[in-house]
Amino acid sequence: MIGFVVPIKPRRFSTNWEKDNRLLERTLGAILNQTDPNFKIFILYTDKPKINIHHSSINYILFDFPFLETKEILDFESKVKRWMPDPVYVSKMFDKGRKIMLGCKYAKEAGCNFIMSIDSDDLISNKLAAFVNKQATDSVGWVLKNGYMHLESLNVLIKKTDIFKVNGSTNIINAKYVPNPNFNSRYYYDFNFFEGHGYLPLRMQEMYHKKQDELPFIGVVYTIHSDNASHINKILSLKNIKTLAKIILHGKLMNKRIAKEFNLVKL
């Protein structure tokens, strides 16, 4: 059985809480659309989202640990700052990482053999649970190397290779390889196992000498909208000539099959 862990950012960091709730509903719709119903969902929150979806597979978990500012993160100056110098961003990612790892703890206790972290605005293929649940329980896991970027404003999909480097919903890991951190720890690296998504395939090799398989089909849609935390919208600005070339070469208009597979509906 696969467990999907969905961390929710605190409401005070939201620029549009209502829109965040609608994005979450769409994300949950994609998860609940799985062709194999043998899965569980764990939603980690500081402020409980207000959504209109209710399902027995959804588990809400209050994250009641205090939010830590970057100055309270013990390895920020020595390790984290060199590649993530923005203290505000680091504190948000630390909160996200801790929520993910707490969700993993609950997923293990619920008997999930595999765990996947999903950002609350991403969309996954409805084939994921069926694929994972058919695999041997001692499989290492899978990396979603290829995916789509969806430009909401144009309703265009761009196929993206190595999407795991820019998107957090791209790793499925055997539960036995997911660490069990001390939640009183104030070290960033104790909690960025899934949050450091681009590094996770290498990390698996360094920690366990194990290699994830590549998922044999496109498994995720990364929706590009004005509120994306990574500001990737700026990278894909339509004023950028390279972006226009990408859309021309790699873009494809939505079709009913893709829309159904990923629950890619308009908000």
C-alpha atoms as a PDB file:
ATOM      1  CA  MET A   1       0.000   0.000   0.000  1.00  0.00           C
ATOM      2  CA  ILE A   2       1.204   3.510  -0.795  1.00  0.00           C
ATOM      3  CA  GLY A   3       0.841   6.504   1.501  1.00  0.00           C
ATOM      4  CA  PHE A   4       0.603  10.018   0.074  1.00  0.00           C
ATOM      5  CA  VAL A   5       1.857  12.776   2.395  1.00  0.00           C
ATOM      6  CA  VAL A   6       0.609  16.310   1.700  1.00  0.00           C
ATOM      7  CA  PRO A   7       2.132  19.167   3.759  1.00  0.00           C
ATOM      8  CA  ILE A   8       0.164  22.423   4.061  1.00  0.00           C
ATOM      9  CA  LYS A   9       1.920  25.733   4.647  1.00  0.00           C
ATOM     10  CA  PRO A  10       0.756  27.923   7.555  1.00  0.00           C
ATOM     11  CA  ARG A  11      -2.030  30.317   6.644  1.00  0.00           C
ATOM     12  CA  ARG A  12       0.083  33.336   7.585  1.00  0.00           C
ATOM     13  CA  PHE A  13       2.382  32.579   4.652  1.00  0.00           C
ATOM     14  CA  SER A  14      -0.449  32.326   2.146  1.00  0.00           C
ATOM     15  CA  THR A  15      -1.179  35.181  -0.227  1.00  0.00           C
ATOM     16  CA  ASN A  16      -4.580  33.691  -1.058  1.00  0.00           C
ATOM     17  CA  TRP A  17      -5.865  31.071   1.400  1.00  0.00           C
ATOM     18  CA  GLU A  18      -9.075  30.475  -0.546  1.00  0.00           C
ATOM     19  CA  LYS A  19      -7.115  29.729  -3.725  1.00  0.00           C
ATOM     20  CA  ASP A  20      -4.767  27.454  -1.787  1.00  0.00           C
ATOM     21  CA  ASN A  21      -7.790  25.478  -0.586  1.00  0.00           C
ATOM     22  CA  ARG A  22      -9.104  25.121  -4.134  1.00  0.00           C
ATOM     23  CA  LEU A  23      -5.681  23.964  -5.353  1.00  0.00           C
ATOM     24  CA  LEU A  24      -5.618  21.404  -2.544  1.00  0.00           C
ATOM     25  CA  GLU A  25      -9.067  20.144  -3.534  1.00  0.00           C
ATOM     26  CA  ARG A  26      -7.828  19.588  -7.074  1.00  0.00           C
ATOM     27  CA  THR A  27      -4.720  17.802  -5.799  1.00  0.00           C
ATOM     28  CA  LEU A  28      -6.801  15.539  -3.563  1.00  0.00           C
ATOM     29  CA  GLY A  29      -9.141  14.898  -6.472  1.00  0.00           C
ATOM     30  CA  ALA A  30      -6.179  13.589  -8.464  1.00  0.00           C
ATOM     31  CA  ILE A  31      -5.078  11.324  -5.611  1.00  0.00           C
ATOM     32  CA  LEU A  32      -8.595  10.028  -4.962  1.00  0.00           C
ATOM     33  CA  ASN A  33      -8.945   9.313  -8.684  1.00  0.00           C
ATOM     34  CA  GLN A  34      -6.524   6.370  -8.409  1.00  0.00           C
ATOM     35  CA  THR A  35      -7.586   3.237 -10.249  1.00  0.00           C
ATOM     36  CA  ASP A  36      -6.425   1.169  -7.258  1.00  0.00           C
ATOM     37  CA  PRO A  37      -8.168   2.283  -4.029  1.00  0.00           C
ATOM     38  CA  ASN A  38      -5.512   0.743  -1.755  1.00  0.00           C
ATOM     39  CA  PHE A  39      -3.829   3.931  -0.523  1.00  0.00           C
ATOM     40  CA  LYS A  40      -3.948   6.447   2.299  1.00  0.00           C
ATOM     41  CA  ILE A  41      -3.557  10.232   2.387  1.00  0.00           C
ATOM     42  CA  PHE A  42      -1.983  12.165   5.246  1.00  0.00           C
ATOM     43  CA  ILE A  43      -2.533  15.934   5.346  1.00  0.00           C
ATOM     44  CA  LEU A  44      -0.222  17.789   7.726  1.00  0.00           C
ATOM     45  CA  TYR A  45      -1.376  21.242   8.721  1.00  0.00           C
ATOM     46  CA  THR A  46      -0.826  24.133  11.099  1.00  0.00           C
ATOM     47  CA  ASP A  47      -4.102  25.746  10.045  1.00  0.00           C
ATOM     48  CA  LYS A  48      -6.688  23.208   8.906  1.00  0.00           C
ATOM     49  CA  PRO A  49      -7.712  23.819   5.300  1.00  0.00           C
ATOM     50  CA  LYS A  50     -11.366  24.364   4.479  1.00  0.00           C
ATOM     51  CA  ILE A  51     -12.224  22.046   1.622  1.00  0.00           C
ATOM     52  CA  ASN A  52     -15.306  20.274   0.335  1.00  0.00           C
ATOM     53  CA  ILE A  53     -13.781  16.810  -0.034  1.00  0.00           C
ATOM     54  CA  HIS A  54     -14.404  14.068   2.502  1.00  0.00           C
ATOM     55  CA  HIS A  55     -13.072  10.535   2.135  1.00  0.00           C
ATOM     56  CA  SER A  56     -12.204   7.671   4.456  1.00  0.00           C
ATOM     57  CA  SER A  57      -8.671   7.515   3.034  1.00  0.00           C
ATOM     58  CA  ILE A  58      -7.881  11.087   4.122  1.00  0.00           C
ATOM     59  CA  ASN A  59      -6.202  11.558   7.501  1.00  0.00           C
ATOM     60  CA  TYR A  60      -5.793  15.083   8.900  1.00  0.00           C
ATOM     61  CA  ILE A  61      -2.840  15.516  11.245  1.00  0.00           C
ATOM     62  CA  LEU A  62      -2.288  18.675  13.258  1.00  0.00           C
ATOM     63  CA  PHE A  63       1.358  19.714  13.266  1.00  0.00           C
ATOM     64  CA  ASP A  64       1.613  21.153  16.758  1.00  0.00           C
ATOM     65  CA  PHE A  65       5.352  21.764  16.910  1.00  0.00           C
ATOM     66  CA  PRO A  66       6.382  25.436  17.120  1.00  0.00           C
ATOM     67  CA  PHE A  67       7.464  27.190  13.934  1.00  0.00           C
ATOM     68  CA  LEU A  68      11.210  27.833  14.017  1.00  0.00           C
ATOM     69  CA  GLU A  69      12.828  30.933  12.581  1.00  0.00           C
ATOM     70  CA  THR A  70      16.046  30.450  10.654  1.00  0.00           C
ATOM     71  CA  LYS A  71      18.161  31.782  13.518  1.00  0.00           C
ATOM     72  CA  GLU A  72      16.906  28.803  15.557  1.00  0.00           C
ATOM     73  CA  ILE A  73      17.989  26.250  12.929  1.00  0.00           C
ATOM     74  CA  LEU A  74      21.339  25.014  14.188  1.00  0.00           C
ATOM     75  CA  ASP A  75      22.989  24.080  10.888  1.00  0.00           C
ATOM     76  CA  PHE A  76      21.858  27.102   8.866  1.00  0.00           C
ATOM     77  CA  GLU A  77      25.118  29.030   9.127  1.00  0.00           C
ATOM     78  CA  SER A  78      27.420  26.021   8.810  1.00  0.00           C
ATOM     79  CA  LYS A  79      25.705  24.000   6.064  1.00  0.00           C
ATOM     80  CA  VAL A  80      22.469  25.389   4.672  1.00  0.00           C
ATOM     81  CA  LYS A  81      23.274  29.050   4.023  1.00  0.00           C
ATOM     82  CA  ARG A  82      25.807  28.377   1.276  1.00  0.00           C
ATOM     83  CA  TRP A  83      23.131  27.048  -1.074  1.00  0.00           C
ATOM     84  CA  MET A  84      19.953  28.502   0.468  1.00  0.00           C
ATOM     85  CA  PRO A  85      20.898  32.001   1.659  1.00  0.00           C
ATOM     86  CA  ASP A  86      17.341  33.347   2.029  1.00  0.00           C
ATOM     87  CA  PRO A  87      16.477  32.912   5.734  1.00  0.00           C
ATOM     88  CA  VAL A  88      12.727  33.330   5.197  1.00  0.00           C
ATOM     89  CA  TYR A  89      12.652  30.627   2.540  1.00  0.00           C
ATOM     90  CA  VAL A  90      14.749  28.303   4.697  1.00  0.00           C
ATOM     91  CA  SER A  91      12.385  28.596   7.658  1.00  0.00           C
ATOM     92  CA  LYS A  92       9.420  27.786   5.407  1.00  0.00           C
ATOM     93  CA  MET A  93      11.164  24.768   3.900  1.00  0.00           C
ATOM     94  CA  PHE A  94      12.170  23.585   7.370  1.00  0.00           C
ATOM     95  CA  ASP A  95       8.509  23.689   8.387  1.00  0.00           C
ATOM     96  CA  LYS A  96       7.538  21.823   5.223  1.00  0.00           C
ATOM     97  CA  GLY A  97      10.226  19.187   5.741  1.00  0.00           C
ATOM     98  CA  ARG A  98       9.173  18.525   9.326  1.00  0.00           C
ATOM     99  CA  LYS A  99       5.546  18.146   8.279  1.00  0.00           C
ATOM    100  CA  ILE A 100       6.484  15.668   5.574  1.00  0.00           C
ATOM    101  CA  MET A 101       8.529  13.557   7.955  1.00  0.00           C
ATOM    102  CA  LEU A 102       5.740  13.522  10.552  1.00  0.00           C
ATOM    103  CA  GLY A 103       3.375  12.401   7.815  1.00  0.00           C
ATOM    104  CA  CYS A 104       5.812   9.618   6.963  1.00  0.00           C
ATOM    105  CA  LYS A 105       5.726   8.489  10.587  1.00  0.00           C
ATOM    106  CA  TYR A 106       1.938   8.186  10.461  1.00  0.00           C
ATOM    107  CA  ALA A 107       2.097   6.452   7.075  1.00  0.00           C
ATOM    108  CA  LYS A 108       4.434   3.811   8.470  1.00  0.00           C
ATOM    109  CA  GLU A 109       2.193   3.261  11.475  1.00  0.00           C
ATOM    110  CA  ALA A 110      -0.754   2.798   9.101  1.00  0.00           C
ATOM    111  CA  GLY A 111       1.072   0.003   7.298  1.00  0.00           C
ATOM    112  CA  CYS A 112       2.134   1.817   4.134  1.00  0.00           C
ATOM    113  CA  ASN A 113       4.955   0.025   2.308  1.00  0.00           C
ATOM    114  CA  PHE A 114       5.792   3.012   0.115  1.00  0.00           C
ATOM    115  CA  ILE A 115       5.587   6.745   0.739  1.00  0.00           C
ATOM    116  CA  MET A 116       5.293   9.698  -1.630  1.00  0.00           C
ATOM    117  CA  SER A 117       5.289  13.360  -0.670  1.00  0.00           C
ATOM    118  CA  ILE A 118       2.982  15.513  -2.790  1.00  0.00           C
ATOM    119  CA  ASP A 119       2.904  19.300  -2.866  1.00  0.00           C
ATOM    120  CA  SER A 120      -0.580  20.653  -2.258  1.00  0.00           C
ATOM    121  CA  ASP A 121      -0.918  22.122  -5.758  1.00  0.00           C
ATOM    122  CA  ASP A 122       0.525  19.264  -7.842  1.00  0.00           C
ATOM    123  CA  LEU A 123      -1.397  16.593  -9.730  1.00  0.00           C
ATOM    124  CA  ILE A 124      -0.446  12.925  -9.995  1.00  0.00           C
ATOM    125  CA  SER A 125      -1.389  10.233 -12.481  1.00  0.00           C
ATOM    126  CA  ASN A 126      -4.315   8.017 -11.522  1.00  0.00           C
ATOM    127  CA  LYS A 127      -2.111   5.015 -12.378  1.00  0.00           C
ATOM    128  CA  LEU A 128       0.418   5.519  -9.572  1.00  0.00           C
ATOM    129  CA  ALA A 129      -1.185   3.483  -6.782  1.00  0.00           C
ATOM    130  CA  ALA A 130      -1.953   0.566  -9.103  1.00  0.00           C
ATOM    131  CA  PHE A 131       1.620   0.514 -10.385  1.00  0.00           C
ATOM    132  CA  VAL A 132       3.254   0.732  -6.951  1.00  0.00           C
ATOM    133  CA  ASN A 133       0.943  -1.801  -5.316  1.00  0.00           C
ATOM    134  CA  LYS A 134       1.828  -4.398  -7.971  1.00  0.00           C
ATOM    135  CA  GLN A 135       5.558  -4.148  -7.257  1.00  0.00           C
ATOM    136  CA  ALA A 136       7.571  -6.250  -4.834  1.00  0.00           C
ATOM    137  CA  THR A 137       7.414  -4.856  -1.307  1.00  0.00           C
ATOM    138  CA  ASP A 138      11.220  -4.825  -1.145  1.00  0.00           C
ATOM    139  CA  SER A 139      11.535  -2.469  -4.133  1.00  0.00           C
ATOM    140  CA  VAL A 140      13.655   0.586  -3.338  1.00  0.00           C
ATOM    141  CA  GLY A 141      11.254   3.045  -4.931  1.00  0.00           C
ATOM    142  CA  TRP A 142      10.912   5.223  -8.003  1.00  0.00           C
ATOM    143  CA  VAL A 143      11.884   8.664  -9.193  1.00  0.00           C
ATOM    144  CA  LEU A 144       9.434  10.520 -11.424  1.00  0.00           C
ATOM    145  CA  LYS A 145      12.042  11.704 -13.878  1.00  0.00           C
ATOM    146  CA  ASN A 146       9.644  12.978 -16.527  1.00  0.00           C
ATOM    147  CA  GLY A 147       6.557  15.090 -16.050  1.00  0.00           C
ATOM    148  CA  TYR A 148       4.480  17.916 -17.385  1.00  0.00           C
ATOM    149  CA  MET A 149       4.538  21.587 -16.528  1.00  0.00           C
ATOM    150  CA  HIS A 150       1.068  23.065 -16.922  1.00  0.00           C
ATOM    151  CA  LEU A 151       0.794  26.747 -17.760  1.00  0.00           C
ATOM    152  CA  GLU A 152      -2.585  27.603 -16.260  1.00  0.00           C
ATOM    153  CA  SER A 153      -2.990  30.829 -18.218  1.00  0.00           C
ATOM    154  CA  LEU A 154      -2.526  29.113 -21.609  1.00  0.00           C
ATOM    155  CA  ASN A 155      -3.820  25.633 -20.742  1.00  0.00           C
ATOM    156  CA  VAL A 156      -0.651  24.248 -22.315  1.00  0.00           C
ATOM    157  CA  LEU A 157       1.494  21.338 -21.147  1.00  0.00           C
ATOM    158  CA  ILE A 158       5.267  21.320 -21.503  1.00  0.00           C
ATOM    159  CA  LYS A 159       6.994  17.967 -21.184  1.00  0.00           C
ATOM    160  CA  LYS A 160       9.853  18.343 -18.727  1.00  0.00           C
ATOM    161  CA  THR A 161      12.736  15.905 -18.345  1.00  0.00           C
ATOM    162  CA  ASP A 162      14.461  15.722 -14.952  1.00  0.00           C
ATOM    163  CA  ILE A 163      11.377  17.280 -13.388  1.00  0.00           C
ATOM    164  CA  PHE A 164      12.440  15.879 -10.015  1.00  0.00           C
ATOM    165  CA  LYS A 165      15.032  18.657  -9.875  1.00  0.00           C
ATOM    166  CA  VAL A 166      12.382  21.393  -9.818  1.00  0.00           C
ATOM    167  CA  ASN A 167       9.327  19.681  -8.361  1.00  0.00           C
ATOM    168  CA  GLY A 168       8.750  18.152  -4.927  1.00  0.00           C
ATOM    169  CA  SER A 169       6.181  15.505  -5.909  1.00  0.00           C
ATOM    170  CA  THR A 170       8.640  13.256  -7.680  1.00  0.00           C
ATOM    171  CA  ASN A 171       9.958  10.567  -5.339  1.00  0.00           C
ATOM    172  CA  ILE A 172       8.388   7.328  -4.105  1.00  0.00           C
ATOM    173  CA  ILE A 173      10.436   5.562  -1.438  1.00  0.00           C
ATOM    174  CA  ASN A 174      10.141   2.234   0.343  1.00  0.00           C
ATOM    175  CA  ALA A 175       9.050   3.081   3.882  1.00  0.00           C
ATOM    176  CA  LYS A 176      11.943   1.157   5.428  1.00  0.00           C
ATOM    177  CA  TYR A 177      14.403   3.650   3.929  1.00  0.00           C
ATOM    178  CA  VAL A 178      12.590   6.746   5.197  1.00  0.00           C
ATOM    179  CA  PRO A 179      14.381   8.094   8.309  1.00  0.00           C
ATOM    180  CA  ASN A 180      12.713   8.472  11.705  1.00  0.00           C
ATOM    181  CA  PRO A 181      13.930  11.875  12.932  1.00  0.00           C
ATOM    182  CA  ASN A 182      13.728  13.299  16.422  1.00  0.00           C
ATOM    183  CA  PHE A 183      11.086  15.999  16.049  1.00  0.00           C
ATOM    184  CA  ASN A 184      12.734  18.099  18.727  1.00  0.00           C
ATOM    185  CA  SER A 185      15.801  18.408  16.515  1.00  0.00           C
ATOM    186  CA  ARG A 186      16.652  21.845  15.162  1.00  0.00           C
ATOM    187  CA  TYR A 187      18.898  20.608  12.360  1.00  0.00           C
ATOM    188  CA  TYR A 188      17.653  21.307   8.841  1.00  0.00           C
ATOM    189  CA  TYR A 189      19.146  18.154   7.343  1.00  0.00           C
ATOM    190  CA  ASP A 190      17.231  15.957   9.778  1.00  0.00           C
ATOM    191  CA  PHE A 191      14.037  16.826   7.914  1.00  0.00           C
ATOM    192  CA  ASN A 192      14.845  17.443   4.241  1.00  0.00           C
ATOM    193  CA  PHE A 193      14.789  13.808   3.090  1.00  0.00           C
ATOM    194  CA  PHE A 194      11.787  14.367   0.791  1.00  0.00           C
ATOM    195  CA  GLU A 195      11.942  18.160   0.812  1.00  0.00           C
ATOM    196  CA  GLY A 196      15.382  18.000  -0.855  1.00  0.00           C
ATOM    197  CA  HIS A 197      13.742  16.242  -3.803  1.00  0.00           C
ATOM    198  CA  GLY A 198      16.400  16.947  -6.428  1.00  0.00           C
ATOM    199  CA  TYR A 199      19.077  15.381  -4.253  1.00  0.00           C
ATOM    200  CA  LEU A 200      17.081  12.390  -3.017  1.00  0.00           C
ATOM    201  CA  PRO A 201      18.125   9.877  -5.735  1.00  0.00           C
ATOM    202  CA  LEU A 202      21.787  10.599  -4.945  1.00  0.00           C
ATOM    203  CA  ARG A 203      21.063  10.583  -1.232  1.00  0.00           C
ATOM    204  CA  MET A 204      19.578   7.088  -1.477  1.00  0.00           C
ATOM    205  CA  GLN A 205      22.810   5.880  -3.023  1.00  0.00           C
ATOM    206  CA  GLU A 206      24.941   7.639  -0.420  1.00  0.00           C
ATOM    207  CA  MET A 207      22.891   6.483   2.574  1.00  0.00           C
ATOM    208  CA  TYR A 208      21.906   2.975   1.524  1.00  0.00           C
ATOM    209  CA  HIS A 209      23.819   2.183  -1.703  1.00  0.00           C
ATOM    210  CA  LYS A 210      20.399   1.784  -3.300  1.00  0.00           C
ATOM    211  CA  LYS A 211      19.085   3.213  -6.544  1.00  0.00           C
ATOM    212  CA  GLN A 212      15.502   4.167  -7.306  1.00  0.00           C
ATOM    213  CA  ASP A 213      14.040   2.917 -10.552  1.00  0.00           C
ATOM    214  CA  GLU A 214      12.687   5.417 -13.028  1.00  0.00           C
ATOM    215  CA  LEU A 215       8.890   5.481 -13.155  1.00  0.00           C
ATOM    216  CA  PRO A 216       8.048   4.067 -16.616  1.00  0.00           C
ATOM    217  CA  PHE A 217       5.360   6.652 -17.375  1.00  0.00           C
ATOM    218  CA  ILE A 218       4.718  10.335 -16.765  1.00  0.00           C
ATOM    219  CA  GLY A 219       3.437  10.587 -13.217  1.00  0.00           C
ATOM    220  CA  VAL A 220       3.104  14.248 -12.265  1.00  0.00           C
ATOM    221  CA  VAL A 221       1.849  17.597 -13.506  1.00  0.00           C
ATOM    222  CA  TYR A 222       3.551  20.645 -12.025  1.00  0.00           C
ATOM    223  CA  THR A 223       1.029  23.460 -12.268  1.00  0.00           C
ATOM    224  CA  ILE A 224       2.594  26.865 -12.900  1.00  0.00           C
ATOM    225  CA  HIS A 225       0.552  29.630 -11.319  1.00  0.00           C
ATOM    226  CA  SER A 226       1.164  33.030  -9.759  1.00  0.00           C
ATOM    227  CA  ASP A 227       1.621  31.717  -6.223  1.00  0.00           C
ATOM    228  CA  ASN A 228       4.268  29.017  -6.789  1.00  0.00           C
ATOM    229  CA  ALA A 229       6.708  29.137  -3.905  1.00  0.00           C
ATOM    230  CA  SER A 230       9.754  28.629  -6.117  1.00  0.00           C
ATOM    231  CA  HIS A 231       8.892  31.637  -8.337  1.00  0.00           C
ATOM    232  CA  ILE A 232       9.248  29.402 -11.365  1.00  0.00           C
ATOM    233  CA  ASN A 233       6.638  31.619 -13.009  1.00  0.00           C
ATOM    234  CA  LYS A 234       9.382  34.182 -13.575  1.00  0.00           C
ATOM    235  CA  ILE A 235      11.532  31.568 -15.262  1.00  0.00           C
ATOM    236  CA  LEU A 236       8.690  30.640 -17.583  1.00  0.00           C
ATOM    237  CA  SER A 237       7.582  34.199 -18.309  1.00  0.00           C
ATOM    238  CA  LEU A 238       6.000  34.511 -21.728  1.00  0.00           C
ATOM    239  CA  LYS A 239       8.289  37.480 -22.289  1.00  0.00           C
ATOM    240  CA  ASN A 240      11.166  35.019 -22.318  1.00  0.00           C
ATOM    241  CA  ILE A 241      12.084  33.968 -25.855  1.00  0.00           C
ATOM    242  CA  LYS A 242      13.423  30.625 -24.684  1.00  0.00           C
ATOM    243  CA  THR A 243      10.083  29.871 -23.071  1.00  0.00           C
ATOM    244  CA  LEU A 244       8.195  30.675 -26.245  1.00  0.00           C
ATOM    245  CA  ALA A 245      10.498  28.320 -28.125  1.00  0.00           C
ATOM    246  CA  LYS A 246       9.869  25.613 -25.537  1.00  0.00           C
ATOM    247  CA  ILE A 247       6.117  25.944 -25.909  1.00  0.00           C
ATOM    248  CA  ILE A 248       6.382  25.746 -29.684  1.00  0.00           C
ATOM    249  CA  LEU A 249       8.672  22.712 -29.614  1.00  0.00           C
ATOM    250  CA  HIS A 250       7.429  20.794 -26.594  1.00  0.00           C
ATOM    251  CA  GLY A 251       4.052  22.249 -25.719  1.00  0.00           C
ATOM    252  CA  LYS A 252       0.794  20.450 -26.292  1.00  0.00           C
ATOM    253  CA  LEU A 253      -2.756  21.502 -25.729  1.00  0.00           C
ATOM    254  CA  MET A 254      -4.791  19.722 -23.107  1.00  0.00           C
ATOM    255  CA  ASN A 255      -6.759  16.659 -24.136  1.00  0.00           C
ATOM    256  CA  LYS A 256      -9.467  14.714 -22.341  1.00  0.00           C
ATOM    257  CA  ARG A 257      -7.257  11.703 -21.615  1.00  0.00           C
ATOM    258  CA  ILE A 258      -4.603  13.736 -19.815  1.00  0.00           C
ATOM    259  CA  ALA A 259      -7.213  15.850 -18.057  1.00  0.00           C
ATOM    260  CA  LYS A 260      -8.902  12.714 -16.711  1.00  0.00           C
ATOM    261  CA  GLU A 261      -5.673  10.941 -15.744  1.00  0.00           C
ATOM    262  CA  PHE A 262      -4.399  13.911 -13.708  1.00  0.00           C
ATOM    263  CA  ASN A 263      -7.688  15.555 -12.677  1.00  0.00           C
ATOM    264  CA  LEU A 264      -6.492  18.613 -14.546  1.00  0.00           C
ATOM    265  CA  VAL A 265      -9.615  20.721 -14.251  1.00  0.00           C
ATOM    266  CA  LYS A 266      -9.975  24.474 -14.086  1.00  0.00           C
ATOM    267  CA  LEU A 267     -10.218  25.951 -10.606  1.00  0.00           C
END
